Amino acid sequence: MPEKTELSFTGEDTWRVFRIMAEFVEGFEMLSKIGPAVTIFGSSKTKRWEKYYRLAEQTASLLVKAGYGVITGGGPGIMEAANKGAKEAGGTSVGLNIIIPSQQKGNRFITALLDFRYFFCRKVMFVKYAKAFIIIPGGFGTMDELLEAVTLIQTERIEKFPVIMVGREYWDGFLNWLQEVCLDRGYISQKDMKIFTVVDTPEEVVATVEEFYQGKNG
């Protein structure tokens, strides 16, 4: 009888549960110690000379100076820019990397790295340990994180926290569709449109986060 390989062993559903548990335990253990932090999302395809790369870097730097660590998905593009800004400002720079076929590797500006096989474990970490979500232009993955946060707040599964979309010129078409189609048909409410904020500058990002928590603690 052929010997059972590690691949087939770990591929069984019952054993996969232990791998999932291990990802949660490792994530909780590390991230519970990082202090207040903000998660920054955006495209992995953004080039270093593009304006949103520079914006992400500046935003992370200002957030560190305001007392926050920075969490990203750990890869290139906007994630690299945010980790770079955080590290060079002397702050905590966390990368929650996902193991995917395209072999995304953690960028060199991360001071604390975790690798995940499961998107849902990784997404729990983003939400649980972030004081705010900063959504810089990106594709499906970025919009997935945006809409999950909005849905969790809308359904009161988590407490409201700042969800900040950066770059009106990028998000305008999406916002118009929400307003003119979803809202008009009654699929969402006007209250839902207030779950997120849209800004253009790093300074506005930091001001929005600080205003939220000053109001909450005031």
C-alpha atoms as a PDB file:
ATOM      1  CA  MET A   1       0.000   0.000   0.000  1.00  0.00           C
ATOM      2  CA  PRO A   2       1.494   3.417  -0.964  1.00  0.00           C
ATOM      3  CA  GLU A   3       2.592   5.592   1.925  1.00  0.00           C
ATOM      4  CA  LYS A   4       0.334   8.585   2.577  1.00  0.00           C
ATOM      5  CA  THR A   5       2.110  11.791   1.602  1.00  0.00           C
ATOM      6  CA  GLU A   6       2.117  14.979   3.650  1.00  0.00           C
ATOM      7  CA  LEU A   7       0.155  16.717   0.888  1.00  0.00           C
ATOM      8  CA  SER A   8      -2.700  14.200   0.978  1.00  0.00           C
ATOM      9  CA  PHE A   9      -2.608  14.155   4.796  1.00  0.00           C
ATOM     10  CA  THR A  10      -2.966  17.916   5.157  1.00  0.00           C
ATOM     11  CA  GLY A  11      -5.444  18.035   2.310  1.00  0.00           C
ATOM     12  CA  GLU A  12      -8.095  16.187   4.301  1.00  0.00           C
ATOM     13  CA  ASP A  13     -10.782  18.460   5.711  1.00  0.00           C
ATOM     14  CA  THR A  14     -10.500  17.225   9.280  1.00  0.00           C
ATOM     15  CA  TRP A  15      -6.771  17.974   9.412  1.00  0.00           C
ATOM     16  CA  ARG A  16      -7.194  21.293   7.627  1.00  0.00           C
ATOM     17  CA  VAL A  17      -9.030  22.497  10.749  1.00  0.00           C
ATOM     18  CA  PHE A  18      -5.771  22.328  12.707  1.00  0.00           C
ATOM     19  CA  ARG A  19      -3.954  24.412  10.115  1.00  0.00           C
ATOM     20  CA  ILE A  20      -6.734  27.008  10.331  1.00  0.00           C
ATOM     21  CA  MET A  21      -6.552  27.010  14.131  1.00  0.00           C
ATOM     22  CA  ALA A  22      -2.788  27.472  13.964  1.00  0.00           C
ATOM     23  CA  GLU A  23      -3.168  30.536  11.735  1.00  0.00           C
ATOM     24  CA  PHE A  24      -5.635  32.100  14.165  1.00  0.00           C
ATOM     25  CA  VAL A  25      -3.472  31.331  17.215  1.00  0.00           C
ATOM     26  CA  GLU A  26      -0.312  32.710  15.600  1.00  0.00           C
ATOM     27  CA  GLY A  27      -2.146  35.806  14.403  1.00  0.00           C
ATOM     28  CA  PHE A  28      -3.789  36.530  17.755  1.00  0.00           C
ATOM     29  CA  GLU A  29      -0.503  35.974  19.571  1.00  0.00           C
ATOM     30  CA  MET A  30       1.507  38.398  17.459  1.00  0.00           C
ATOM     31  CA  LEU A  31      -1.027  41.102  16.693  1.00  0.00           C
ATOM     32  CA  SER A  32      -2.331  41.422  20.244  1.00  0.00           C
ATOM     33  CA  LYS A  33       1.032  42.962  21.135  1.00  0.00           C
ATOM     34  CA  ILE A  34       1.380  45.624  18.429  1.00  0.00           C
ATOM     35  CA  GLY A  35      -0.721  48.379  20.024  1.00  0.00           C
ATOM     36  CA  PRO A  36      -3.129  50.661  18.127  1.00  0.00           C
ATOM     37  CA  ALA A  37      -2.796  50.218  14.389  1.00  0.00           C
ATOM     38  CA  VAL A  38      -4.454  51.144  11.108  1.00  0.00           C
ATOM     39  CA  THR A  39      -4.793  48.842   8.096  1.00  0.00           C
ATOM     40  CA  ILE A  40      -3.964  50.226   4.654  1.00  0.00           C
ATOM     41  CA  PHE A  41      -5.234  48.488   1.503  1.00  0.00           C
ATOM     42  CA  GLY A  42      -4.513  49.139  -2.158  1.00  0.00           C
ATOM     43  CA  SER A  43      -3.321  47.629  -5.400  1.00  0.00           C
ATOM     44  CA  SER A  44      -0.244  45.394  -5.474  1.00  0.00           C
ATOM     45  CA  LYS A  45       0.308  46.624  -9.033  1.00  0.00           C
ATOM     46  CA  THR A  46       0.879  50.295  -8.155  1.00  0.00           C
ATOM     47  CA  LYS A  47       4.335  51.429  -9.321  1.00  0.00           C
ATOM     48  CA  ARG A  48       6.775  53.336  -7.135  1.00  0.00           C
ATOM     49  CA  TRP A  49       6.587  56.473  -9.275  1.00  0.00           C
ATOM     50  CA  GLU A  50       2.788  56.673  -9.217  1.00  0.00           C
ATOM     51  CA  LYS A  51       1.002  59.252  -7.084  1.00  0.00           C
ATOM     52  CA  TYR A  52      -0.912  56.732  -4.982  1.00  0.00           C
ATOM     53  CA  TYR A  53       2.324  54.988  -3.999  1.00  0.00           C
ATOM     54  CA  ARG A  54       3.651  58.285  -2.658  1.00  0.00           C
ATOM     55  CA  LEU A  55       0.298  59.019  -1.013  1.00  0.00           C
ATOM     56  CA  ALA A  56       0.296  55.659   0.780  1.00  0.00           C
ATOM     57  CA  GLU A  57       3.860  56.211   1.978  1.00  0.00           C
ATOM     58  CA  GLN A  58       3.048  59.683   3.302  1.00  0.00           C
ATOM     59  CA  THR A  59      -0.167  58.504   4.925  1.00  0.00           C
ATOM     60  CA  ALA A  60       1.614  55.713   6.795  1.00  0.00           C
ATOM     61  CA  SER A  61       4.323  58.098   7.968  1.00  0.00           C
ATOM     62  CA  LEU A  62       1.769  60.545   9.353  1.00  0.00           C
ATOM     63  CA  LEU A  63      -0.181  57.761  11.051  1.00  0.00           C
ATOM     64  CA  VAL A  64       2.973  56.594  12.826  1.00  0.00           C
ATOM     65  CA  LYS A  65       3.621  60.147  14.003  1.00  0.00           C
ATOM     66  CA  ALA A  66       0.033  60.209  15.306  1.00  0.00           C
ATOM     67  CA  GLY A  67       0.717  57.104  17.390  1.00  0.00           C
ATOM     68  CA  TYR A  68      -0.472  54.256  15.168  1.00  0.00           C
ATOM     69  CA  GLY A  69       1.225  51.209  13.730  1.00  0.00           C
ATOM     70  CA  VAL A  70       0.503  50.214  10.148  1.00  0.00           C
ATOM     71  CA  ILE A  71      -0.817  46.865   8.906  1.00  0.00           C
ATOM     72  CA  THR A  72      -0.882  45.854   5.228  1.00  0.00           C
ATOM     73  CA  GLY A  73      -1.283  42.737   3.139  1.00  0.00           C
ATOM     74  CA  GLY A  74       2.492  42.538   3.046  1.00  0.00           C
ATOM     75  CA  GLY A  75       3.027  42.553  -0.711  1.00  0.00           C
ATOM     76  CA  PRO A  76       4.229  45.074  -3.323  1.00  0.00           C
ATOM     77  CA  GLY A  77       2.570  48.248  -4.600  1.00  0.00           C
ATOM     78  CA  ILE A  78       0.474  50.184  -2.101  1.00  0.00           C
ATOM     79  CA  MET A  79       1.295  47.642   0.598  1.00  0.00           C
ATOM     80  CA  GLU A  80       5.012  48.183   0.145  1.00  0.00           C
ATOM     81  CA  ALA A  81       4.538  51.951   0.129  1.00  0.00           C
ATOM     82  CA  ALA A  82       2.615  51.891   3.402  1.00  0.00           C
ATOM     83  CA  ASN A  83       5.113  49.572   5.098  1.00  0.00           C
ATOM     84  CA  LYS A  84       7.944  51.784   3.832  1.00  0.00           C
ATOM     85  CA  GLY A  85       6.360  54.938   5.230  1.00  0.00           C
ATOM     86  CA  ALA A  86       5.726  53.282   8.586  1.00  0.00           C
ATOM     87  CA  LYS A  87       9.181  51.767   8.942  1.00  0.00           C
ATOM     88  CA  GLU A  88      11.058  54.904   7.907  1.00  0.00           C
ATOM     89  CA  ALA A  89       9.005  56.925  10.398  1.00  0.00           C
ATOM     90  CA  GLY A  90      10.160  54.537  13.142  1.00  0.00           C
ATOM     91  CA  GLY A  91       6.832  52.793  13.629  1.00  0.00           C
ATOM     92  CA  THR A  92       5.410  49.280  13.672  1.00  0.00           C
ATOM     93  CA  SER A  93       5.153  47.932  10.108  1.00  0.00           C
ATOM     94  CA  VAL A  94       3.133  44.702   9.909  1.00  0.00           C
ATOM     95  CA  GLY A  95       2.603  42.541   6.826  1.00  0.00           C
ATOM     96  CA  LEU A  96      -0.097  39.861   6.675  1.00  0.00           C
ATOM     97  CA  ASN A  97       1.038  38.029   3.572  1.00  0.00           C
ATOM     98  CA  ILE A  98      -1.178  35.582   1.674  1.00  0.00           C
ATOM     99  CA  ILE A  99       0.313  32.472   0.085  1.00  0.00           C
ATOM    100  CA  ILE A 100      -1.117  32.360  -3.452  1.00  0.00           C
ATOM    101  CA  PRO A 101      -0.022  30.760  -6.749  1.00  0.00           C
ATOM    102  CA  SER A 102       1.588  33.996  -7.932  1.00  0.00           C
ATOM    103  CA  GLN A 103       4.006  33.651  -4.989  1.00  0.00           C
ATOM    104  CA  GLN A 104       3.541  37.032  -3.329  1.00  0.00           C
ATOM    105  CA  LYS A 105       6.406  37.606  -0.906  1.00  0.00           C
ATOM    106  CA  GLY A 106       6.591  39.980   2.011  1.00  0.00           C
ATOM    107  CA  ASN A 107       8.162  43.311   1.107  1.00  0.00           C
ATOM    108  CA  ARG A 108      11.438  44.449   2.686  1.00  0.00           C
ATOM    109  CA  PHE A 109       9.883  47.202   4.811  1.00  0.00           C
ATOM    110  CA  ILE A 110       7.968  44.854   7.119  1.00  0.00           C
ATOM    111  CA  THR A 111       9.098  44.627  10.742  1.00  0.00           C
ATOM    112  CA  ALA A 112       6.604  41.886  11.680  1.00  0.00           C
ATOM    113  CA  LEU A 113       5.445  39.319   9.099  1.00  0.00           C
ATOM    114  CA  LEU A 114       2.771  36.626   9.165  1.00  0.00           C
ATOM    115  CA  ASP A 115       2.035  34.252   6.270  1.00  0.00           C
ATOM    116  CA  PHE A 116      -1.502  32.963   5.709  1.00  0.00           C
ATOM    117  CA  ARG A 117      -2.879  30.167   3.557  1.00  0.00           C
ATOM    118  CA  TYR A 118      -6.492  31.125   4.194  1.00  0.00           C
ATOM    119  CA  PHE A 119      -7.964  34.458   3.180  1.00  0.00           C
ATOM    120  CA  PHE A 120     -10.656  34.342   5.851  1.00  0.00           C
ATOM    121  CA  CYS A 121      -8.131  33.949   8.689  1.00  0.00           C
ATOM    122  CA  ARG A 122      -6.164  36.885   7.326  1.00  0.00           C
ATOM    123  CA  LYS A 123      -9.292  39.018   6.991  1.00  0.00           C
ATOM    124  CA  VAL A 124     -10.204  38.415  10.634  1.00  0.00           C
ATOM    125  CA  MET A 125      -6.790  39.760  11.640  1.00  0.00           C
ATOM    126  CA  PHE A 126      -7.204  42.878   9.518  1.00  0.00           C
ATOM    127  CA  VAL A 127     -10.514  43.733  11.173  1.00  0.00           C
ATOM    128  CA  LYS A 128      -9.784  42.654  14.743  1.00  0.00           C
ATOM    129  CA  TYR A 129      -6.579  44.636  15.158  1.00  0.00           C
ATOM    130  CA  ALA A 130      -7.277  47.776  13.121  1.00  0.00           C
ATOM    131  CA  LYS A 131      -8.567  51.081  14.457  1.00  0.00           C
ATOM    132  CA  ALA A 132      -9.386  52.136  10.888  1.00  0.00           C
ATOM    133  CA  PHE A 133      -9.336  50.886   7.289  1.00  0.00           C
ATOM    134  CA  ILE A 134      -7.637  53.117   4.738  1.00  0.00           C
ATOM    135  CA  ILE A 135      -8.731  52.137   1.215  1.00  0.00           C
ATOM    136  CA  ILE A 136      -6.353  53.409  -1.468  1.00  0.00           C
ATOM    137  CA  PRO A 137      -7.188  52.635  -5.146  1.00  0.00           C
ATOM    138  CA  GLY A 138      -6.971  48.964  -6.007  1.00  0.00           C
ATOM    139  CA  GLY A 139      -8.783  46.067  -7.636  1.00  0.00           C
ATOM    140  CA  PHE A 140     -10.915  43.135  -6.510  1.00  0.00           C
ATOM    141  CA  GLY A 141      -8.952  42.409  -3.340  1.00  0.00           C
ATOM    142  CA  THR A 142      -9.080  46.030  -2.198  1.00  0.00           C
ATOM    143  CA  MET A 143     -12.806  46.276  -2.919  1.00  0.00           C
ATOM    144  CA  ASP A 144     -13.387  42.968  -1.149  1.00  0.00           C
ATOM    145  CA  GLU A 145     -11.844  44.351   2.039  1.00  0.00           C
ATOM    146  CA  LEU A 146     -13.779  47.613   1.677  1.00  0.00           C
ATOM    147  CA  LEU A 147     -17.142  45.946   1.195  1.00  0.00           C
ATOM    148  CA  GLU A 148     -16.586  43.365   3.930  1.00  0.00           C
ATOM    149  CA  ALA A 149     -15.862  46.123   6.454  1.00  0.00           C
ATOM    150  CA  VAL A 150     -18.890  48.131   5.315  1.00  0.00           C
ATOM    151  CA  THR A 151     -21.115  45.031   5.516  1.00  0.00           C
ATOM    152  CA  LEU A 152     -19.904  44.116   9.014  1.00  0.00           C
ATOM    153  CA  ILE A 153     -20.616  47.653  10.227  1.00  0.00           C
ATOM    154  CA  GLN A 154     -23.970  47.823   8.413  1.00  0.00           C
ATOM    155  CA  THR A 155     -25.132  44.546   9.989  1.00  0.00           C
ATOM    156  CA  GLU A 156     -23.718  45.552  13.397  1.00  0.00           C
ATOM    157  CA  ARG A 157     -21.449  42.529  13.572  1.00  0.00           C
ATOM    158  CA  ILE A 158     -18.635  44.886  14.590  1.00  0.00           C
ATOM    159  CA  GLU A 159     -18.591  48.344  16.103  1.00  0.00           C
ATOM    160  CA  LYS A 160     -18.303  51.224  13.694  1.00  0.00           C
ATOM    161  CA  PHE A 161     -14.770  52.406  12.965  1.00  0.00           C
ATOM    162  CA  PRO A 162     -13.361  54.723  10.294  1.00  0.00           C
ATOM    163  CA  VAL A 163     -13.483  53.322   6.760  1.00  0.00           C
ATOM    164  CA  ILE A 164     -11.688  55.900   4.636  1.00  0.00           C
ATOM    165  CA  MET A 165     -11.575  55.778   0.843  1.00  0.00           C
ATOM    166  CA  VAL A 166      -8.735  57.836  -0.594  1.00  0.00           C
ATOM    167  CA  GLY A 167      -8.873  59.464  -4.034  1.00  0.00           C
ATOM    168  CA  ARG A 168     -12.209  60.923  -5.128  1.00  0.00           C
ATOM    169  CA  GLU A 169     -11.254  60.805  -8.799  1.00  0.00           C
ATOM    170  CA  TYR A 170     -10.808  57.021  -8.543  1.00  0.00           C
ATOM    171  CA  TRP A 171     -13.869  56.242  -6.427  1.00  0.00           C
ATOM    172  CA  ASP A 172     -16.366  58.704  -7.954  1.00  0.00           C
ATOM    173  CA  GLY A 173     -17.836  56.234 -10.468  1.00  0.00           C
ATOM    174  CA  PHE A 174     -18.338  53.603  -7.773  1.00  0.00           C
ATOM    175  CA  LEU A 175     -19.911  56.126  -5.402  1.00  0.00           C
ATOM    176  CA  ASN A 176     -22.241  57.396  -8.144  1.00  0.00           C
ATOM    177  CA  TRP A 177     -23.353  53.815  -8.822  1.00  0.00           C
ATOM    178  CA  LEU A 178     -24.092  53.254  -5.135  1.00  0.00           C
ATOM    179  CA  GLN A 179     -26.061  56.502  -5.006  1.00  0.00           C
ATOM    180  CA  GLU A 180     -27.915  56.287  -8.306  1.00  0.00           C
ATOM    181  CA  VAL A 181     -28.540  52.537  -8.518  1.00  0.00           C
ATOM    182  CA  CYS A 182     -28.290  50.793  -5.139  1.00  0.00           C
ATOM    183  CA  LEU A 183     -29.719  53.630  -3.054  1.00  0.00           C
ATOM    184  CA  ASP A 184     -32.343  54.567  -5.647  1.00  0.00           C
ATOM    185  CA  ARG A 185     -33.636  50.982  -5.743  1.00  0.00           C
ATOM    186  CA  GLY A 186     -33.720  50.745  -1.961  1.00  0.00           C
ATOM    187  CA  TYR A 187     -31.018  48.081  -1.724  1.00  0.00           C
ATOM    188  CA  ILE A 188     -29.075  50.279   0.707  1.00  0.00           C
ATOM    189  CA  SER A 189     -30.079  53.254   2.844  1.00  0.00           C
ATOM    190  CA  GLN A 190     -28.768  56.782   3.151  1.00  0.00           C
ATOM    191  CA  LYS A 191     -27.451  55.767   6.561  1.00  0.00           C
ATOM    192  CA  ASP A 192     -25.308  53.112   4.870  1.00  0.00           C
ATOM    193  CA  MET A 193     -23.652  55.781   2.728  1.00  0.00           C
ATOM    194  CA  LYS A 194     -22.331  57.367   5.929  1.00  0.00           C
ATOM    195  CA  ILE A 195     -20.395  54.269   6.988  1.00  0.00           C
ATOM    196  CA  PHE A 196     -17.402  55.402   4.930  1.00  0.00           C
ATOM    197  CA  THR A 197     -15.638  58.699   4.285  1.00  0.00           C
ATOM    198  CA  VAL A 198     -13.942  59.850   1.074  1.00  0.00           C
ATOM    199  CA  VAL A 199     -10.833  62.064   1.223  1.00  0.00           C
ATOM    200  CA  ASP A 200      -7.922  63.050  -0.997  1.00  0.00           C
ATOM    201  CA  THR A 201      -4.862  63.704   1.173  1.00  0.00           C
ATOM    202  CA  PRO A 202      -2.804  61.975   3.873  1.00  0.00           C
ATOM    203  CA  GLU A 203      -3.567  64.838   6.243  1.00  0.00           C
ATOM    204  CA  GLU A 204      -7.313  64.280   5.774  1.00  0.00           C
ATOM    205  CA  VAL A 205      -6.871  60.571   6.497  1.00  0.00           C
ATOM    206  CA  VAL A 206      -5.177  61.217   9.834  1.00  0.00           C
ATOM    207  CA  ALA A 207      -7.611  63.991  10.761  1.00  0.00           C
ATOM    208  CA  THR A 208     -10.575  61.684  10.066  1.00  0.00           C
ATOM    209  CA  VAL A 209      -9.162  58.930  12.279  1.00  0.00           C
ATOM    210  CA  GLU A 210      -8.301  61.315  15.110  1.00  0.00           C
ATOM    211  CA  GLU A 211     -11.653  63.097  14.934  1.00  0.00           C
ATOM    212  CA  PHE A 212     -13.497  59.786  15.178  1.00  0.00           C
ATOM    213  CA  TYR A 213     -11.673  58.672  18.309  1.00  0.00           C
ATOM    214  CA  GLN A 214     -11.746  62.093  19.944  1.00  0.00           C
ATOM    215  CA  GLY A 215     -15.510  62.098  19.503  1.00  0.00           C
ATOM    216  CA  LYS A 216     -15.774  58.539  20.806  1.00  0.00           C
ATOM    217  CA  ASN A 217     -13.684  59.245  23.876  1.00  0.00           C
ATOM    218  CA  GLY A 218     -15.003  62.721  24.493  1.00  0.00           C
END
